[in-house]
Amino acid sequence: MNTIGNITVTASTVGNPTTPTATSTTRRAAADGANERRAETRAKAHAVQSAAPRASSEPPPISAGRLQLDIDQTTGQVVGRIIDKETGATIKQIPSDEALRLIASHERMLGAILDKLL
């Protein structure tokens, strides 16, 4: 048996005894890689199963902010805001200021078109 790099060469006793048969360590490496992938899959499945009970429980209450609903004077749209209780700053607003400006702009353009048509 001779080793050349990652390849082990042995003499074959089947057929022609002078023809060497190469057994590569890549087969072993491929088998090791497959075993590692199976272990990773099992670990991921275990993580998902252990997280499932936590995901199905109720989310924690939001205590950092309060909900404020207003009517935008320009568009008449209902605007929802989450306001930080400590600072009074707006955390999130739906629709955004940009969306409200776009709605108002479209309403003005539509009004101008209707005025010309009528």
PDB file of N, CA and C in Angstrom:
ATOM      1  N   MET A   1       0.841  -1.163   0.000  1.00  0.00           N
ATOM      2  CA  MET A   1       0.000   0.000   0.000  1.00  0.00           C
ATOM      3  C   MET A   1       0.892   1.235   0.000  1.00  0.00           C
ATOM      4  N   ASN A   2       0.601   2.171  -0.909  1.00  0.00           N
ATOM      5  CA  ASN A   2       1.354   3.420  -1.017  1.00  0.00           C
ATOM      6  C   ASN A   2       0.398   4.592  -0.864  1.00  0.00           C
ATOM      7  N   THR A   3       0.867   5.669  -0.266  1.00  0.00           N
ATOM      8  CA  THR A   3       0.053   6.869  -0.124  1.00  0.00           C
ATOM      9  C   THR A   3       0.683   7.971  -0.942  1.00  0.00           C
ATOM     10  N   ILE A   4      -0.140   8.563  -1.827  1.00  0.00           N
ATOM     11  CA  ILE A   4       0.316   9.670  -2.665  1.00  0.00           C
ATOM     12  C   ILE A   4      -0.653  10.821  -2.418  1.00  0.00           C
ATOM     13  N   GLY A   5      -0.219  11.835  -1.715  1.00  0.00           N
ATOM     14  CA  GLY A   5      -1.110  12.950  -1.391  1.00  0.00           C
ATOM     15  C   GLY A   5      -2.281  12.448  -0.556  1.00  0.00           C
ATOM     16  N   ASN A   6      -3.519  12.643  -1.058  1.00  0.00           N
ATOM     17  CA  ASN A   6      -4.722  12.195  -0.371  1.00  0.00           C
ATOM     18  C   ASN A   6      -5.207  10.838  -0.865  1.00  0.00           C
ATOM     19  N   ILE A   7      -4.427  10.186  -1.707  1.00  0.00           N
ATOM     20  CA  ILE A   7      -4.869   8.940  -2.324  1.00  0.00           C
ATOM     21  C   ILE A   7      -4.023   7.784  -1.806  1.00  0.00           C
ATOM     22  N   THR A   8      -4.705   6.733  -1.372  1.00  0.00           N
ATOM     23  CA  THR A   8      -4.024   5.515  -0.956  1.00  0.00           C
ATOM     24  C   THR A   8      -4.147   4.514  -2.086  1.00  0.00           C
ATOM     25  N   VAL A   9      -3.024   3.964  -2.538  1.00  0.00           N
ATOM     26  CA  VAL A   9      -3.009   3.015  -3.648  1.00  0.00           C
ATOM     27  C   VAL A   9      -2.683   1.643  -3.084  1.00  0.00           C
ATOM     28  N   THR A  10      -3.569   0.672  -3.394  1.00  0.00           N
ATOM     29  CA  THR A  10      -3.332  -0.705  -2.972  1.00  0.00           C
ATOM     30  C   THR A  10      -3.325  -1.587  -4.201  1.00  0.00           C
ATOM     31  N   ALA A  11      -2.643  -2.696  -4.120  1.00  0.00           N
ATOM     32  CA  ALA A  11      -2.623  -3.638  -5.230  1.00  0.00           C
ATOM     33  C   ALA A  11      -3.893  -4.462  -5.174  1.00  0.00           C
ATOM     34  N   SER A  12      -4.521  -4.638  -6.326  1.00  0.00           N
ATOM     35  CA  SER A  12      -5.763  -5.406  -6.399  1.00  0.00           C
ATOM     36  C   SER A  12      -5.447  -6.871  -6.574  1.00  0.00           C
ATOM     37  N   THR A  13      -6.148  -7.714  -5.844  1.00  0.00           N
ATOM     38  CA  THR A  13      -5.966  -9.157  -6.004  1.00  0.00           C
ATOM     39  C   THR A  13      -7.026  -9.733  -6.918  1.00  0.00           C
ATOM     40  N   VAL A  14      -7.999  -8.910  -7.345  1.00  0.00           N
ATOM     41  CA  VAL A  14      -9.043  -9.363  -8.252  1.00  0.00           C
ATOM     42  C   VAL A  14      -8.621  -8.999  -9.661  1.00  0.00           C
ATOM     43  N   GLY A  15      -8.771  -9.908 -10.620  1.00  0.00           N
ATOM     44  CA  GLY A  15      -8.416  -9.625 -12.001  1.00  0.00           C
ATOM     45  C   GLY A  15      -6.918  -9.623 -12.171  1.00  0.00           C
ATOM     46  N   ASN A  16      -6.394  -8.574 -12.708  1.00  0.00           N
ATOM     47  CA  ASN A  16      -4.971  -8.451 -12.967  1.00  0.00           C
ATOM     48  C   ASN A  16      -4.266  -7.988 -11.697  1.00  0.00           C
ATOM     49  N   PRO A  17      -3.407  -8.803 -11.086  1.00  0.00           N
ATOM     50  CA  PRO A  17      -2.758  -8.419  -9.836  1.00  0.00           C
ATOM     51  C   PRO A  17      -1.777  -7.260  -9.975  1.00  0.00           C
ATOM     52  N   THR A  18      -1.415  -6.900 -11.180  1.00  0.00           N
ATOM     53  CA  THR A  18      -0.471  -5.795 -11.342  1.00  0.00           C
ATOM     54  C   THR A  18      -1.172  -4.454 -11.503  1.00  0.00           C
ATOM     55  N   THR A  19      -2.536  -4.422 -11.634  1.00  0.00           N
ATOM     56  CA  THR A  19      -3.272  -3.172 -11.803  1.00  0.00           C
ATOM     57  C   THR A  19      -3.632  -2.612 -10.425  1.00  0.00           C
ATOM     58  N   PRO A  20      -3.125  -1.454 -10.060  1.00  0.00           N
ATOM     59  CA  PRO A  20      -3.443  -0.884  -8.733  1.00  0.00           C
ATOM     60  C   PRO A  20      -4.859  -0.313  -8.698  1.00  0.00           C
ATOM     61  N   THR A  21      -5.485  -0.330  -7.515  1.00  0.00           N
ATOM     62  CA  THR A  21      -6.809   0.249  -7.287  1.00  0.00           C
ATOM     63  C   THR A  21      -6.636   1.439  -6.352  1.00  0.00           C
ATOM     64  N   ALA A  22      -7.158   2.596  -6.739  1.00  0.00           N
ATOM     65  CA  ALA A  22      -7.015   3.810  -5.930  1.00  0.00           C
ATOM     66  C   ALA A  22      -8.233   3.961  -5.027  1.00  0.00           C
ATOM     67  N   THR A  23      -7.980   4.157  -3.748  1.00  0.00           N
ATOM     68  CA  THR A  23      -9.042   4.427  -2.785  1.00  0.00           C
ATOM     69  C   THR A  23      -8.809   5.832  -2.265  1.00  0.00           C
ATOM     70  N   SER A  24      -9.702   6.731  -2.594  1.00  0.00           N
ATOM     71  CA  SER A  24      -9.494   8.133  -2.246  1.00  0.00           C
ATOM     72  C   SER A  24     -10.095   8.451  -0.892  1.00  0.00           C
ATOM     73  N   THR A  25      -9.450   9.353  -0.208  1.00  0.00           N
ATOM     74  CA  THR A  25     -10.006   9.808   1.072  1.00  0.00           C
ATOM     75  C   THR A  25     -11.184  10.742   0.854  1.00  0.00           C
ATOM     76  N   THR A  26     -11.430  11.109  -0.405  1.00  0.00           N
ATOM     77  CA  THR A  26     -12.582  11.975  -0.665  1.00  0.00           C
ATOM     78  C   THR A  26     -13.889  11.258  -0.370  1.00  0.00           C
ATOM     79  N   ARG A  27     -13.896   9.923  -0.513  1.00  0.00           N
ATOM     80  CA  ARG A  27     -15.117   9.187  -0.146  1.00  0.00           C
ATOM     81  C   ARG A  27     -15.388   9.326   1.337  1.00  0.00           C
ATOM     82  N   ARG A  28     -14.327   9.183   2.118  1.00  0.00           N
ATOM     83  CA  ARG A  28     -14.488   9.338   3.560  1.00  0.00           C
ATOM     84  C   ARG A  28     -14.895  10.767   3.907  1.00  0.00           C
ATOM     85  N   ALA A  29     -14.295  11.727   3.222  1.00  0.00           N
ATOM     86  CA  ALA A  29     -14.633  13.127   3.469  1.00  0.00           C
ATOM     87  C   ALA A  29     -16.085  13.405   3.096  1.00  0.00           C
ATOM     88  N   ALA A  30     -16.563  12.816   1.999  1.00  0.00           N
ATOM     89  CA  ALA A  30     -17.962  12.999   1.593  1.00  0.00           C
ATOM     90  C   ALA A  30     -18.897  12.387   2.621  1.00  0.00           C
ATOM     91  N   ALA A  31     -18.539  11.216   3.134  1.00  0.00           N
ATOM     92  CA  ALA A  31     -19.370  10.584   4.157  1.00  0.00           C
ATOM     93  C   ALA A  31     -19.375  11.417   5.427  1.00  0.00           C
ATOM     94  N   ASP A  32     -18.216  11.958   5.804  1.00  0.00           N
ATOM     95  CA  ASP A  32     -18.142  12.822   6.988  1.00  0.00           C
ATOM     96  C   ASP A  32     -18.993  14.070   6.798  1.00  0.00           C
ATOM     97  N   GLY A  33     -18.944  14.642   5.584  1.00  0.00           N
ATOM     98  CA  GLY A  33     -19.752  15.833   5.295  1.00  0.00           C
ATOM     99  C   GLY A  33     -21.237  15.527   5.375  1.00  0.00           C
ATOM    100  N   ALA A  34     -21.641  14.368   4.886  1.00  0.00           N
ATOM    101  CA  ALA A  34     -23.051  13.977   4.961  1.00  0.00           C
ATOM    102  C   ALA A  34     -23.473  13.805   6.410  1.00  0.00           C
ATOM    103  N   ASN A  35     -22.604  13.210   7.216  1.00  0.00           N
ATOM    104  CA  ASN A  35     -22.923  13.046   8.642  1.00  0.00           C
ATOM    105  C   ASN A  35     -23.039  14.391   9.343  1.00  0.00           C
ATOM    106  N   GLU A  36     -22.168  15.319   8.980  1.00  0.00           N
ATOM    107  CA  GLU A  36     -22.234  16.660   9.576  1.00  0.00           C
ATOM    108  C   GLU A  36     -23.532  17.365   9.190  1.00  0.00           C
ATOM    109  N   ARG A  37     -23.949  17.227   7.923  1.00  0.00           N
ATOM    110  CA  ARG A  37     -25.201  17.856   7.486  1.00  0.00           C
ATOM    111  C   ARG A  37     -26.398  17.256   8.218  1.00  0.00           C
ATOM    112  N   ARG A  38     -26.386  15.925   8.417  1.00  0.00           N
ATOM    113  CA  ARG A  38     -27.479  15.293   9.162  1.00  0.00           C
ATOM    114  C   ARG A  38     -27.519  15.813  10.592  1.00  0.00           C
ATOM    115  N   ALA A  39     -26.357  15.959  11.217  1.00  0.00           N
ATOM    116  CA  ALA A  39     -26.299  16.466  12.587  1.00  0.00           C
ATOM    117  C   ALA A  39     -26.800  17.908  12.651  1.00  0.00           C
ATOM    118  N   GLU A  40     -26.426  18.732  11.664  1.00  0.00           N
ATOM    119  CA  GLU A  40     -26.907  20.118  11.626  1.00  0.00           C
ATOM    120  C   GLU A  40     -28.420  20.163  11.453  1.00  0.00           C
ATOM    121  N   THR A  41     -28.953  19.285  10.594  1.00  0.00           N
ATOM    122  CA  THR A  41     -30.395  19.244  10.370  1.00  0.00           C
ATOM    123  C   THR A  41     -31.116  18.858  11.654  1.00  0.00           C
ATOM    124  N   ARG A  42     -30.585  17.851  12.360  1.00  0.00           N
ATOM    125  CA  ARG A  42     -31.192  17.451  13.633  1.00  0.00           C
ATOM    126  C   ARG A  42     -31.151  18.595  14.643  1.00  0.00           C
ATOM    127  N   ALA A  43     -30.029  19.319  14.694  1.00  0.00           N
ATOM    128  CA  ALA A  43     -29.898  20.435  15.636  1.00  0.00           C
ATOM    129  C   ALA A  43     -30.895  21.547  15.306  1.00  0.00           C
ATOM    130  N   LYS A  44     -31.072  21.839  14.011  1.00  0.00           N
ATOM    131  CA  LYS A  44     -32.033  22.872  13.609  1.00  0.00           C
ATOM    132  C   LYS A  44     -33.457  22.446  13.934  1.00  0.00           C
ATOM    133  N   ALA A  45     -33.774  21.178  13.693  1.00  0.00           N
ATOM    134  CA  ALA A  45     -35.116  20.673  14.001  1.00  0.00           C
ATOM    135  C   ALA A  45     -35.384  20.775  15.502  1.00  0.00           C
ATOM    136  N   HIS A  46     -34.380  20.458  16.315  1.00  0.00           N
ATOM    137  CA  HIS A  46     -34.531  20.569  17.764  1.00  0.00           C
ATOM    138  C   HIS A  46     -34.750  22.024  18.174  1.00  0.00           C
ATOM    139  N   ALA A  47     -34.012  22.949  17.551  1.00  0.00           N
ATOM    140  CA  ALA A  47     -34.167  24.371  17.873  1.00  0.00           C
ATOM    141  C   ALA A  47     -35.564  24.865  17.524  1.00  0.00           C
ATOM    142  N   VAL A  48     -36.093  24.428  16.378  1.00  0.00           N
ATOM    143  CA  VAL A  48     -37.440  24.839  15.971  1.00  0.00           C
ATOM    144  C   VAL A  48     -38.474  24.271  16.933  1.00  0.00           C
ATOM    145  N   GLN A  49     -38.318  23.004  17.297  1.00  0.00           N
ATOM    146  CA  GLN A  49     -39.276  22.378  18.211  1.00  0.00           C
ATOM    147  C   GLN A  49     -39.247  23.041  19.578  1.00  0.00           C
ATOM    148  N   SER A  50     -38.083  23.428  20.056  1.00  0.00           N
ATOM    149  CA  SER A  50     -38.012  24.066  21.365  1.00  0.00           C
ATOM    150  C   SER A  50     -38.530  25.504  21.319  1.00  0.00           C
ATOM    151  N   ALA A  51     -38.464  26.151  20.148  1.00  0.00           N
ATOM    152  CA  ALA A  51     -38.948  27.535  20.030  1.00  0.00           C
ATOM    153  C   ALA A  51     -40.451  27.595  19.799  1.00  0.00           C
ATOM    154  N   ALA A  52     -41.053  26.520  19.319  1.00  0.00           N
ATOM    155  CA  ALA A  52     -42.475  26.528  18.985  1.00  0.00           C
ATOM    156  C   ALA A  52     -43.373  26.908  20.166  1.00  0.00           C
ATOM    157  N   PRO A  53     -43.182  26.370  21.371  1.00  0.00           N
ATOM    158  CA  PRO A  53     -44.052  26.784  22.476  1.00  0.00           C
ATOM    159  C   PRO A  53     -43.946  28.267  22.804  1.00  0.00           C
ATOM    160  N   ARG A  54     -42.743  28.829  22.674  1.00  0.00           N
ATOM    161  CA  ARG A  54     -42.583  30.264  22.962  1.00  0.00           C
ATOM    162  C   ARG A  54     -43.275  31.108  21.909  1.00  0.00           C
ATOM    163  N   ALA A  55     -43.248  30.668  20.644  1.00  0.00           N
ATOM    164  CA  ALA A  55     -43.847  31.438  19.559  1.00  0.00           C
ATOM    165  C   ALA A  55     -45.365  31.434  19.645  1.00  0.00           C
ATOM    166  N   SER A  56     -45.941  30.380  20.193  1.00  0.00           N
ATOM    167  CA  SER A  56     -47.397  30.301  20.253  1.00  0.00           C
ATOM    168  C   SER A  56     -47.972  31.050  21.447  1.00  0.00           C
ATOM    169  N   SER A  57     -47.137  31.469  22.384  1.00  0.00           N
ATOM    170  CA  SER A  57     -47.635  32.212  23.534  1.00  0.00           C
ATOM    171  C   SER A  57     -47.909  33.666  23.145  1.00  0.00           C
ATOM    172  N   GLU A  58     -48.601  34.369  23.990  1.00  0.00           N
ATOM    173  CA  GLU A  58     -48.950  35.763  23.734  1.00  0.00           C
ATOM    174  C   GLU A  58     -47.696  36.631  23.715  1.00  0.00           C
ATOM    175  N   PRO A  59     -47.636  37.618  22.820  1.00  0.00           N
ATOM    176  CA  PRO A  59     -46.480  38.517  22.814  1.00  0.00           C
ATOM    177  C   PRO A  59     -46.488  39.399  24.049  1.00  0.00           C
ATOM    178  N   PRO A  60     -45.344  39.864  24.460  1.00  0.00           N
ATOM    179  CA  PRO A  60     -45.300  40.734  25.636  1.00  0.00           C
ATOM    180  C   PRO A  60     -45.991  42.062  25.338  1.00  0.00           C
ATOM    181  N   PRO A  61     -46.618  42.652  26.323  1.00  0.00           N
ATOM    182  CA  PRO A  61     -47.292  43.934  26.080  1.00  0.00           C
ATOM    183  C   PRO A  61     -46.289  45.035  25.773  1.00  0.00           C
ATOM    184  N   ILE A  62     -46.714  45.979  24.956  1.00  0.00           N
ATOM    185  CA  ILE A  62     -45.866  47.118  24.631  1.00  0.00           C
ATOM    186  C   ILE A  62     -46.081  48.164  25.709  1.00  0.00           C
ATOM    187  N   SER A  63     -45.061  48.400  26.475  1.00  0.00           N
ATOM    188  CA  SER A  63     -45.204  49.351  27.569  1.00  0.00           C
ATOM    189  C   SER A  63     -44.453  50.649  27.294  1.00  0.00           C
ATOM    190  N   ALA A  64     -43.655  50.673  26.242  1.00  0.00           N
ATOM    191  CA  ALA A  64     -42.846  51.852  25.974  1.00  0.00           C
ATOM    192  C   ALA A  64     -43.624  52.940  25.243  1.00  0.00           C
ATOM    193  N   GLY A  65     -44.766  52.610  24.655  1.00  0.00           N
ATOM    194  CA  GLY A  65     -45.471  53.601  23.866  1.00  0.00           C
ATOM    195  C   GLY A  65     -46.973  53.554  24.081  1.00  0.00           C
ATOM    196  N   ARG A  66     -47.634  54.554  23.515  1.00  0.00           N
ATOM    197  CA  ARG A  66     -49.098  54.587  23.566  1.00  0.00           C
ATOM    198  C   ARG A  66     -49.610  54.869  22.164  1.00  0.00           C
ATOM    199  N   LEU A  67     -50.813  54.409  21.874  1.00  0.00           N
ATOM    200  CA  LEU A  67     -51.407  54.584  20.562  1.00  0.00           C
ATOM    201  C   LEU A  67     -52.225  55.863  20.532  1.00  0.00           C
ATOM    202  N   GLN A  68     -52.041  56.636  19.492  1.00  0.00           N
ATOM    203  CA  GLN A  68     -52.799  57.873  19.308  1.00  0.00           C
ATOM    204  C   GLN A  68     -53.401  57.846  17.914  1.00  0.00           C
ATOM    205  N   LEU A  69     -54.701  58.058  17.814  1.00  0.00           N
ATOM    206  CA  LEU A  69     -55.390  58.107  16.523  1.00  0.00           C
ATOM    207  C   LEU A  69     -55.892  59.520  16.294  1.00  0.00           C
ATOM    208  N   ASP A  70     -55.628  60.056  15.107  1.00  0.00           N
ATOM    209  CA  ASP A  70     -56.040  61.409  14.731  1.00  0.00           C
ATOM    210  C   ASP A  70     -56.606  61.375  13.325  1.00  0.00           C
ATOM    211  N   ILE A  71     -57.281  62.460  12.946  1.00  0.00           N
ATOM    212  CA  ILE A  71     -57.743  62.663  11.581  1.00  0.00           C
ATOM    213  C   ILE A  71     -56.871  63.753  10.972  1.00  0.00           C
ATOM    214  N   ASP A  72     -56.236  63.443   9.841  1.00  0.00           N
ATOM    215  CA  ASP A  72     -55.421  64.435   9.154  1.00  0.00           C
ATOM    216  C   ASP A  72     -56.345  65.500   8.567  1.00  0.00           C
ATOM    217  N   GLN A  73     -56.089  66.767   8.865  1.00  0.00           N
ATOM    218  CA  GLN A  73     -56.959  67.860   8.437  1.00  0.00           C
ATOM    219  C   GLN A  73     -56.938  68.066   6.928  1.00  0.00           C
ATOM    220  N   THR A  74     -55.824  67.783   6.276  1.00  0.00           N
ATOM    221  CA  THR A  74     -55.700  68.011   4.845  1.00  0.00           C
ATOM    222  C   THR A  74     -56.401  66.935   4.027  1.00  0.00           C
ATOM    223  N   THR A  75     -56.219  65.682   4.419  1.00  0.00           N
ATOM    224  CA  THR A  75     -56.730  64.569   3.614  1.00  0.00           C
ATOM    225  C   THR A  75     -57.970  63.912   4.190  1.00  0.00           C
ATOM    226  N   GLY A  76     -58.223  64.085   5.471  1.00  0.00           N
ATOM    227  CA  GLY A  76     -59.336  63.395   6.115  1.00  0.00           C
ATOM    228  C   GLY A  76     -59.020  61.952   6.454  1.00  0.00           C
ATOM    229  N   GLN A  77     -57.774  61.546   6.299  1.00  0.00           N
ATOM    230  CA  GLN A  77     -57.347  60.175   6.582  1.00  0.00           C
ATOM    231  C   GLN A  77     -57.142  59.981   8.088  1.00  0.00           C
ATOM    232  N   VAL A  78     -57.439  58.761   8.564  1.00  0.00           N
ATOM    233  CA  VAL A  78     -57.135  58.404   9.942  1.00  0.00           C
ATOM    234  C   VAL A  78     -55.638  58.138  10.013  1.00  0.00           C
ATOM    235  N   VAL A  79     -54.990  58.742  10.999  1.00  0.00           N
ATOM    236  CA  VAL A  79     -53.545  58.601  11.181  1.00  0.00           C
ATOM    237  C   VAL A  79     -53.314  57.954  12.538  1.00  0.00           C
ATOM    238  N   GLY A  80     -52.589  56.835  12.534  1.00  0.00           N
ATOM    239  CA  GLY A  80     -52.227  56.154  13.772  1.00  0.00           C
ATOM    240  C   GLY A  80     -50.784  56.426  14.110  1.00  0.00           C
ATOM    241  N   ARG A  81     -50.551  56.736  15.369  1.00  0.00           N
ATOM    242  CA  ARG A  81     -49.177  56.999  15.818  1.00  0.00           C
ATOM    243  C   ARG A  81     -48.912  56.219  17.094  1.00  0.00           C
ATOM    244  N   ILE A  82     -47.691  55.681  17.198  1.00  0.00           N
ATOM    245  CA  ILE A  82     -47.227  55.110  18.450  1.00  0.00           C
ATOM    246  C   ILE A  82     -46.286  56.144  19.048  1.00  0.00           C
ATOM    247  N   ILE A  83     -46.638  56.619  20.227  1.00  0.00           N
ATOM    248  CA  ILE A  83     -45.910  57.700  20.884  1.00  0.00           C
ATOM    249  C   ILE A  83     -45.129  57.134  22.070  1.00  0.00           C
ATOM    250  N   ASP A  84     -43.847  57.500  22.180  1.00  0.00           N
ATOM    251  CA  ASP A  84     -43.016  57.089  23.312  1.00  0.00           C
ATOM    252  C   ASP A  84     -43.554  57.774  24.566  1.00  0.00           C
ATOM    253  N   LYS A  85     -43.835  56.986  25.602  1.00  0.00           N
ATOM    254  CA  LYS A  85     -44.402  57.541  26.838  1.00  0.00           C
ATOM    255  C   LYS A  85     -43.442  58.472  27.561  1.00  0.00           C
ATOM    256  N   GLU A  86     -42.161  58.165  27.496  1.00  0.00           N
ATOM    257  CA  GLU A  86     -41.186  58.964  28.242  1.00  0.00           C
ATOM    258  C   GLU A  86     -40.853  60.272  27.553  1.00  0.00           C
ATOM    259  N   THR A  87     -40.615  60.233  26.230  1.00  0.00           N
ATOM    260  CA  THR A  87     -40.154  61.434  25.531  1.00  0.00           C
ATOM    261  C   THR A  87     -41.260  62.155  24.772  1.00  0.00           C
ATOM    262  N   GLY A  88     -42.341  61.452  24.448  1.00  0.00           N
ATOM    263  CA  GLY A  88     -43.405  62.054  23.657  1.00  0.00           C
ATOM    264  C   GLY A  88     -43.122  62.050  22.163  1.00  0.00           C
ATOM    265  N   ALA A  89     -42.015  61.450  21.763  1.00  0.00           N
ATOM    266  CA  ALA A  89     -41.637  61.399  20.347  1.00  0.00           C
ATOM    267  C   ALA A  89     -42.457  60.320  19.634  1.00  0.00           C
ATOM    268  N   THR A  90     -42.715  60.549  18.343  1.00  0.00           N
ATOM    269  CA  THR A  90     -43.428  59.572  17.533  1.00  0.00           C
ATOM    270  C   THR A  90     -42.474  58.447  17.169  1.00  0.00           C
ATOM    271  N   ILE A  91     -42.841  57.210  17.533  1.00  0.00           N
ATOM    272  CA  ILE A  91     -42.032  56.035  17.203  1.00  0.00           C
ATOM    273  C   ILE A  91     -42.385  55.567  15.798  1.00  0.00           C
ATOM    274  N   LYS A  92     -43.677  55.483  15.497  1.00  0.00           N
ATOM    275  CA  LYS A  92     -44.142  55.012  14.192  1.00  0.00           C
ATOM    276  C   LYS A  92     -45.449  55.724  13.862  1.00  0.00           C
ATOM    277  N   GLN A  93     -45.606  56.063  12.588  1.00  0.00           N
ATOM    278  CA  GLN A  93     -46.837  56.707  12.126  1.00  0.00           C
ATOM    279  C   GLN A  93     -47.297  56.013  10.856  1.00  0.00           C
ATOM    280  N   ILE A  94     -48.618  55.719  10.815  1.00  0.00           N
ATOM    281  CA  ILE A  94     -49.205  55.087   9.626  1.00  0.00           C
ATOM    282  C   ILE A  94     -50.483  55.844   9.284  1.00  0.00           C
ATOM    283  N   PRO A  95     -50.644  56.338   8.070  1.00  0.00           N
ATOM    284  CA  PRO A  95     -49.671  56.456   6.989  1.00  0.00           C
ATOM    285  C   PRO A  95     -48.610  57.504   7.337  1.00  0.00           C
ATOM    286  N   SER A  96     -47.477  57.393   6.689  1.00  0.00           N
ATOM    287  CA  SER A  96     -46.357  58.294   6.958  1.00  0.00           C
ATOM    288  C   SER A  96     -46.677  59.703   6.464  1.00  0.00           C
ATOM    289  N   ASP A  97     -45.884  60.666   6.904  1.00  0.00           N
ATOM    290  CA  ASP A  97     -46.055  62.045   6.446  1.00  0.00           C
ATOM    291  C   ASP A  97     -45.918  62.137   4.929  1.00  0.00           C
ATOM    292  N   GLU A  98     -44.990  61.381   4.360  1.00  0.00           N
ATOM    293  CA  GLU A  98     -44.799  61.388   2.910  1.00  0.00           C
ATOM    294  C   GLU A  98     -46.045  60.881   2.189  1.00  0.00           C
ATOM    295  N   ALA A  99     -46.642  59.814   2.729  1.00  0.00           N
ATOM    296  CA  ALA A  99     -47.859  59.267   2.118  1.00  0.00           C
ATOM    297  C   ALA A  99     -49.009  60.270   2.218  1.00  0.00           C
ATOM    298  N   LEU A 100     -49.109  60.967   3.345  1.00  0.00           N
ATOM    299  CA  LEU A 100     -50.170  61.979   3.500  1.00  0.00           C
ATOM    300  C   LEU A 100     -49.974  63.127   2.513  1.00  0.00           C
ATOM    301  N   ARG A 101     -48.716  63.562   2.312  1.00  0.00           N
ATOM    302  CA  ARG A 101     -48.451  64.627   1.328  1.00  0.00           C
ATOM    303  C   ARG A 101     -48.805  64.163  -0.081  1.00  0.00           C
ATOM    304  N   LEU A 102     -48.506  62.911  -0.405  1.00  0.00           N
ATOM    305  CA  LEU A 102     -48.823  62.360  -1.717  1.00  0.00           C
ATOM    306  C   LEU A 102     -50.346  62.287  -1.929  1.00  0.00           C
ATOM    307  N   ILE A 103     -51.066  61.858  -0.915  1.00  0.00           N
ATOM    308  CA  ILE A 103     -52.530  61.801  -1.006  1.00  0.00           C
ATOM    309  C   ILE A 103     -53.097  63.198  -1.221  1.00  0.00           C
ATOM    310  N   ALA A 104     -52.610  64.173  -0.447  1.00  0.00           N
ATOM    311  CA  ALA A 104     -53.097  65.550  -0.586  1.00  0.00           C
ATOM    312  C   ALA A 104     -52.791  66.095  -1.977  1.00  0.00           C
ATOM    313  N   SER A 105     -51.595  65.801  -2.495  1.00  0.00           N
ATOM    314  CA  SER A 105     -51.217  66.267  -3.822  1.00  0.00           C
ATOM    315  C   SER A 105     -52.128  65.664  -4.896  1.00  0.00           C
ATOM    316  N   HIS A 106     -52.400  64.380  -4.794  1.00  0.00           N
ATOM    317  CA  HIS A 106     -53.290  63.734  -5.764  1.00  0.00           C
ATOM    318  C   HIS A 106     -54.706  64.289  -5.686  1.00  0.00           C
ATOM    319  N   GLU A 107     -55.166  64.568  -4.482  1.00  0.00           N
ATOM    320  CA  GLU A 107     -56.506  65.136  -4.328  1.00  0.00           C
ATOM    321  C   GLU A 107     -56.581  66.529  -4.961  1.00  0.00           C
ATOM    322  N   ARG A 108     -55.510  67.320  -4.792  1.00  0.00           N
ATOM    323  CA  ARG A 108     -55.502  68.654  -5.404  1.00  0.00           C
ATOM    324  C   ARG A 108     -55.509  68.551  -6.930  1.00  0.00           C
ATOM    325  N   MET A 109     -54.679  67.633  -7.464  1.00  0.00           N
ATOM    326  CA  MET A 109     -54.640  67.463  -8.921  1.00  0.00           C
ATOM    327  C   MET A 109     -55.981  66.966  -9.452  1.00  0.00           C
ATOM    328  N   LEU A 110     -56.597  66.034  -8.757  1.00  0.00           N
ATOM    329  CA  LEU A 110     -57.893  65.514  -9.181  1.00  0.00           C
ATOM    330  C   LEU A 110     -58.946  66.621  -9.117  1.00  0.00           C
ATOM    331  N   GLY A 111     -58.872  67.445  -8.096  1.00  0.00           N
ATOM    332  CA  GLY A 111     -59.807  68.573  -8.003  1.00  0.00           C
ATOM    333  C   GLY A 111     -59.632  69.549  -9.144  1.00  0.00           C
ATOM    334  N   ALA A 112     -58.382  69.838  -9.506  1.00  0.00           N
ATOM    335  CA  ALA A 112     -58.123  70.766 -10.611  1.00  0.00           C
ATOM    336  C   ALA A 112     -58.634  70.181 -11.937  1.00  0.00           C
ATOM    337  N   ILE A 113     -58.464  68.897 -12.134  1.00  0.00           N
ATOM    338  CA  ILE A 113     -58.949  68.259 -13.370  1.00  0.00           C
ATOM    339  C   ILE A 113     -60.482  68.305 -13.423  1.00  0.00           C
ATOM    340  N   LEU A 114     -61.128  68.013 -12.323  1.00  0.00           N
ATOM    341  CA  LEU A 114     -62.593  68.039 -12.288  1.00  0.00           C
ATOM    342  C   LEU A 114     -63.134  69.454 -12.498  1.00  0.00           C
ATOM    343  N   ASP A 115     -62.422  70.465 -11.929  1.00  0.00           N
ATOM    344  CA  ASP A 115     -62.847  71.861 -12.136  1.00  0.00           C
ATOM    345  C   ASP A 115     -62.803  72.231 -13.612  1.00  0.00           C
ATOM    346  N   LYS A 116     -61.791  71.784 -14.340  1.00  0.00           N
ATOM    347  CA  LYS A 116     -61.676  72.088 -15.757  1.00  0.00           C
ATOM    348  C   LYS A 116     -62.745  71.368 -16.571  1.00  0.00           C
ATOM    349  N   LEU A 117     -63.059  70.123 -16.173  1.00  0.00           N
ATOM    350  CA  LEU A 117     -64.050  69.353 -16.912  1.00  0.00           C
ATOM    351  C   LEU A 117     -65.471  69.850 -16.679  1.00  0.00           C
ATOM    352  N   LEU A 118     -65.742  70.347 -15.517  1.00  0.00           N
ATOM    353  CA  LEU A 118     -67.096  70.781 -15.186  1.00  0.00           C
ATOM    354  C   LEU A 118     -67.219  72.232 -15.474  1.00  0.00           C
TER     355      LEU A 118
END
